[in-house]
Amino acid sequence: MQPRPVVNVEEFIGKTVGRRVPPSGAGLQKTLNQALAGQKRGVCPRGVYRFHSHEEADAWTLKMMSRKKVS
């Protein structure tokens, strides 16, 4: 018994399902770089912070995000 070819090379493939080209992400990276370049500081101070509850951590994060820029 001879093995049969799995794919007929002469057959026209009309549609391919499940194959897509992933987005390059270049536009998103450019926008992110522009947004970060405008900030001298990050969203929150760097370091390790320990909190007793999630509510305390959320309140601290909100306070840090809403503070005014000192120039």
C-alpha atoms as a PDB file:
ATOM      1  CA  MET A   1       0.000   0.000   0.000  1.00  0.00           C
ATOM      2  CA  GLN A   2       1.412   3.366  -0.960  1.00  0.00           C
ATOM      3  CA  PRO A   3       0.773   6.414   1.241  1.00  0.00           C
ATOM      4  CA  ARG A   4      -1.649   8.903  -0.207  1.00  0.00           C
ATOM      5  CA  PRO A   5      -0.690  12.580  -0.309  1.00  0.00           C
ATOM      6  CA  VAL A   6      -2.393  14.527   2.465  1.00  0.00           C
ATOM      7  CA  VAL A   7      -2.716  17.751   0.475  1.00  0.00           C
ATOM      8  CA  ASN A   8      -3.554  18.060  -3.180  1.00  0.00           C
ATOM      9  CA  VAL A   9      -1.116  20.726  -4.388  1.00  0.00           C
ATOM     10  CA  GLU A  10      -3.179  21.466  -7.473  1.00  0.00           C
ATOM     11  CA  GLU A  11      -6.349  22.197  -5.481  1.00  0.00           C
ATOM     12  CA  PHE A  12      -7.324  25.844  -4.962  1.00  0.00           C
ATOM     13  CA  ILE A  13      -7.757  26.790  -1.301  1.00  0.00           C
ATOM     14  CA  GLY A  14     -10.693  29.164  -1.086  1.00  0.00           C
ATOM     15  CA  LYS A  15     -10.716  30.152   2.549  1.00  0.00           C
ATOM     16  CA  THR A  16      -8.403  29.698   5.515  1.00  0.00           C
ATOM     17  CA  VAL A  17     -10.114  29.674   8.892  1.00  0.00           C
ATOM     18  CA  GLY A  18      -8.347  30.484  12.141  1.00  0.00           C
ATOM     19  CA  ARG A  19      -5.262  32.187  10.770  1.00  0.00           C
ATOM     20  CA  ARG A  20      -4.798  35.878  11.328  1.00  0.00           C
ATOM     21  CA  VAL A  21      -1.900  38.262  11.408  1.00  0.00           C
ATOM     22  CA  PRO A  22      -1.391  39.574  14.942  1.00  0.00           C
ATOM     23  CA  PRO A  23      -1.342  43.369  15.282  1.00  0.00           C
ATOM     24  CA  SER A  24       2.111  44.889  15.253  1.00  0.00           C
ATOM     25  CA  GLY A  25       1.555  47.045  18.343  1.00  0.00           C
ATOM     26  CA  ALA A  26       3.764  49.802  16.956  1.00  0.00           C
ATOM     27  CA  GLY A  27       0.972  52.389  17.186  1.00  0.00           C
ATOM     28  CA  LEU A  28       0.153  51.478  20.774  1.00  0.00           C
ATOM     29  CA  GLN A  29       3.819  51.585  21.781  1.00  0.00           C
ATOM     30  CA  LYS A  30       4.239  55.008  20.177  1.00  0.00           C
ATOM     31  CA  THR A  31       1.202  56.375  22.048  1.00  0.00           C
ATOM     32  CA  LEU A  32       2.432  54.899  25.334  1.00  0.00           C
ATOM     33  CA  ASN A  33       5.893  56.405  24.866  1.00  0.00           C
ATOM     34  CA  GLN A  34       4.379  59.836  24.184  1.00  0.00           C
ATOM     35  CA  ALA A  35       2.183  59.627  27.283  1.00  0.00           C
ATOM     36  CA  LEU A  36       5.065  58.557  29.518  1.00  0.00           C
ATOM     37  CA  ALA A  37       7.407  61.205  28.093  1.00  0.00           C
ATOM     38  CA  GLY A  38       5.047  63.931  29.288  1.00  0.00           C
ATOM     39  CA  GLN A  39       5.280  62.752  32.882  1.00  0.00           C
ATOM     40  CA  LYS A  40       8.308  63.415  35.043  1.00  0.00           C
ATOM     41  CA  ARG A  41       7.072  61.011  37.684  1.00  0.00           C
ATOM     42  CA  GLY A  42       5.078  57.816  37.463  1.00  0.00           C
ATOM     43  CA  VAL A  43       1.559  57.253  38.685  1.00  0.00           C
ATOM     44  CA  CYS A  44       2.667  56.234  42.171  1.00  0.00           C
ATOM     45  CA  PRO A  45       5.975  56.555  44.027  1.00  0.00           C
ATOM     46  CA  ARG A  46       8.318  53.645  43.527  1.00  0.00           C
ATOM     47  CA  GLY A  47       9.013  51.160  46.246  1.00  0.00           C
ATOM     48  CA  VAL A  48       7.346  48.447  48.272  1.00  0.00           C
ATOM     49  CA  TYR A  49       4.288  49.389  50.284  1.00  0.00           C
ATOM     50  CA  ARG A  50       2.413  47.135  52.655  1.00  0.00           C
ATOM     51  CA  PHE A  51      -1.196  47.702  53.613  1.00  0.00           C
ATOM     52  CA  HIS A  52      -3.497  46.029  56.099  1.00  0.00           C
ATOM     53  CA  SER A  53      -6.426  45.846  53.666  1.00  0.00           C
ATOM     54  CA  HIS A  54      -7.333  46.284  50.015  1.00  0.00           C
ATOM     55  CA  GLU A  55      -9.429  49.309  50.908  1.00  0.00           C
ATOM     56  CA  GLU A  56      -6.418  51.037  52.479  1.00  0.00           C
ATOM     57  CA  ALA A  57      -4.301  50.255  49.400  1.00  0.00           C
ATOM     58  CA  ASP A  58      -7.006  51.545  47.038  1.00  0.00           C
ATOM     59  CA  ALA A  59      -7.380  54.755  49.045  1.00  0.00           C
ATOM     60  CA  TRP A  60      -3.601  55.323  48.959  1.00  0.00           C
ATOM     61  CA  THR A  61      -3.441  54.664  45.206  1.00  0.00           C
ATOM     62  CA  LEU A  62      -6.287  57.077  44.535  1.00  0.00           C
ATOM     63  CA  LYS A  63      -4.585  59.742  46.700  1.00  0.00           C
ATOM     64  CA  MET A  64      -1.264  59.284  44.838  1.00  0.00           C
ATOM     65  CA  MET A  65      -2.922  59.409  41.415  1.00  0.00           C
ATOM     66  CA  SER A  66      -4.895  62.554  42.174  1.00  0.00           C
ATOM     67  CA  ARG A  67      -2.105  64.572  43.808  1.00  0.00           C
ATOM     68  CA  LYS A  68      -0.980  67.762  42.131  1.00  0.00           C
ATOM     69  CA  LYS A  69       2.256  68.008  40.206  1.00  0.00           C
ATOM     70  CA  VAL A  70       4.969  69.958  42.013  1.00  0.00           C
ATOM     71  CA  SER A  71       7.186  71.982  39.699  1.00  0.00           C
END
